[in-house]
Amino acid sequence: MATVTFTPNLARWAETSAMDVAGDSLADVLEAVFVERPVLRGYLLTDQGALRKHVNVYIDAESIGDRQRLTDRVAADSKVFVAQALSGG
């Protein structure tokens, strides 16, 4: 199973401890995350299912390529990191 971790600032809105989930694509992995933590869906995805502009996802330390359909492949031993950018001054 892939291990999904989150940037700490998301913990203000939802449980963000690391979790192991199954899935062959980023879409599958995130859907498994949302089953356990549904509130994260609105923070990470648009209504059309694409990543929000302020969210970055890395699979095995590589930035994903498909932010719209989330088709990037995820191996069973992959490390997926979800980062939400912060802004302000």
Protein backbone atom coordinates (compact mmCIF):
# COMPACT_ATOMS: atom_id res chain seq x y z
CA MET A 1 0.00 0.00 0.00
CA ALA A 2 1.10 3.55 -0.69
CA THR A 3 1.81 5.78 2.30
CA VAL A 4 0.15 9.20 2.16
CA THR A 5 1.38 12.06 4.33
CA PHE A 6 0.14 15.62 4.56
CA THR A 7 1.61 19.02 5.25
CA PRO A 8 0.96 19.93 8.92
CA ASN A 9 -1.13 23.03 8.13
CA LEU A 10 -4.02 20.82 6.94
CA ALA A 11 -4.36 19.52 10.49
CA ARG A 12 -6.33 22.67 11.35
CA TRP A 13 -9.29 21.24 9.43
CA ALA A 14 -8.91 17.46 9.41
CA GLU A 15 -7.01 14.51 10.81
CA THR A 16 -3.78 14.36 8.82
CA SER A 17 -1.72 11.57 10.28
CA ALA A 18 0.00 9.37 7.70
CA MET A 19 -2.11 6.59 6.27
CA ASP A 20 -1.56 3.57 4.07
CA VAL A 21 -4.02 3.14 1.21
CA ALA A 22 -4.31 1.04 -1.92
CA GLY A 23 -4.58 2.46 -5.42
CA ASP A 24 -2.90 2.33 -8.82
CA SER A 25 -3.32 6.03 -9.64
CA LEU A 26 -3.30 9.24 -7.66
CA ALA A 27 -7.08 9.48 -8.17
CA ASP A 28 -7.52 6.02 -6.60
CA VAL A 29 -5.25 6.85 -3.68
CA LEU A 30 -6.95 10.15 -2.93
CA GLU A 31 -10.38 8.54 -3.16
CA ALA A 32 -9.29 6.01 -0.54
CA VAL A 33 -8.11 8.90 1.66
CA PHE A 34 -11.45 10.70 1.24
CA VAL A 35 -13.35 7.59 2.36
CA GLU A 36 -11.57 7.87 5.71
CA ARG A 37 -11.32 11.67 5.83
CA PRO A 38 -14.06 13.17 3.64
CA VAL A 39 -13.49 16.76 4.79
CA LEU A 40 -10.13 16.79 2.97
CA ARG A 41 -11.81 16.50 -0.45
CA GLY A 42 -12.94 20.14 -0.43
CA TYR A 43 -9.55 21.40 0.64
CA LEU A 44 -7.64 19.45 -2.00
CA LEU A 45 -9.93 19.18 -5.05
CA THR A 46 -12.12 21.49 -7.09
CA ASP A 47 -15.74 20.62 -7.84
CA GLN A 48 -14.47 19.13 -11.13
CA GLY A 49 -12.07 16.78 -9.31
CA ALA A 50 -8.84 18.58 -10.24
CA LEU A 51 -6.22 19.61 -7.68
CA ARG A 52 -6.73 23.10 -6.37
CA LYS A 53 -4.10 25.64 -7.43
CA HIS A 54 -2.67 25.90 -3.92
CA VAL A 55 -2.18 22.12 -3.55
CA ASN A 56 0.90 20.22 -4.67
CA VAL A 57 1.29 16.46 -4.64
CA TYR A 58 4.53 14.50 -4.89
CA ILE A 59 4.84 10.80 -5.59
CA ASP A 60 8.20 9.42 -4.50
CA ALA A 61 9.58 12.99 -4.33
CA GLU A 62 8.48 13.80 -7.92
CA SER A 63 5.86 16.45 -8.60
CA ILE A 64 2.81 14.95 -10.31
CA GLY A 65 2.14 15.71 -13.96
CA ASP A 66 -1.64 15.41 -14.27
CA ARG A 67 -3.37 17.93 -12.00
CA GLN A 68 -6.71 17.58 -13.82
CA ARG A 69 -7.48 13.85 -13.96
CA LEU A 70 -4.90 12.66 -11.39
CA THR A 71 -3.75 9.77 -13.57
CA ASP A 72 -0.18 9.63 -12.26
CA ARG A 73 0.76 6.03 -11.41
CA VAL A 74 1.26 5.03 -7.79
CA ALA A 75 3.22 1.90 -6.87
CA ALA A 76 2.35 -0.25 -3.89
CA ASP A 77 5.41 1.05 -2.03
CA SER A 78 5.11 4.71 -3.12
CA LYS A 79 5.30 7.65 -0.76
CA VAL A 80 2.67 10.30 -1.59
CA PHE A 81 3.05 13.75 -0.02
CA VAL A 82 0.22 16.29 -0.14
CA ALA A 83 1.24 19.91 0.43
CA GLN A 84 -1.05 22.91 0.73
CA ALA A 85 0.71 26.17 0.01
CA LEU A 86 0.45 29.01 2.50
CA SER A 87 0.20 32.65 1.57
CA GLY A 88 0.09 35.91 3.41
CA GLY A 89 2.57 38.21 4.95
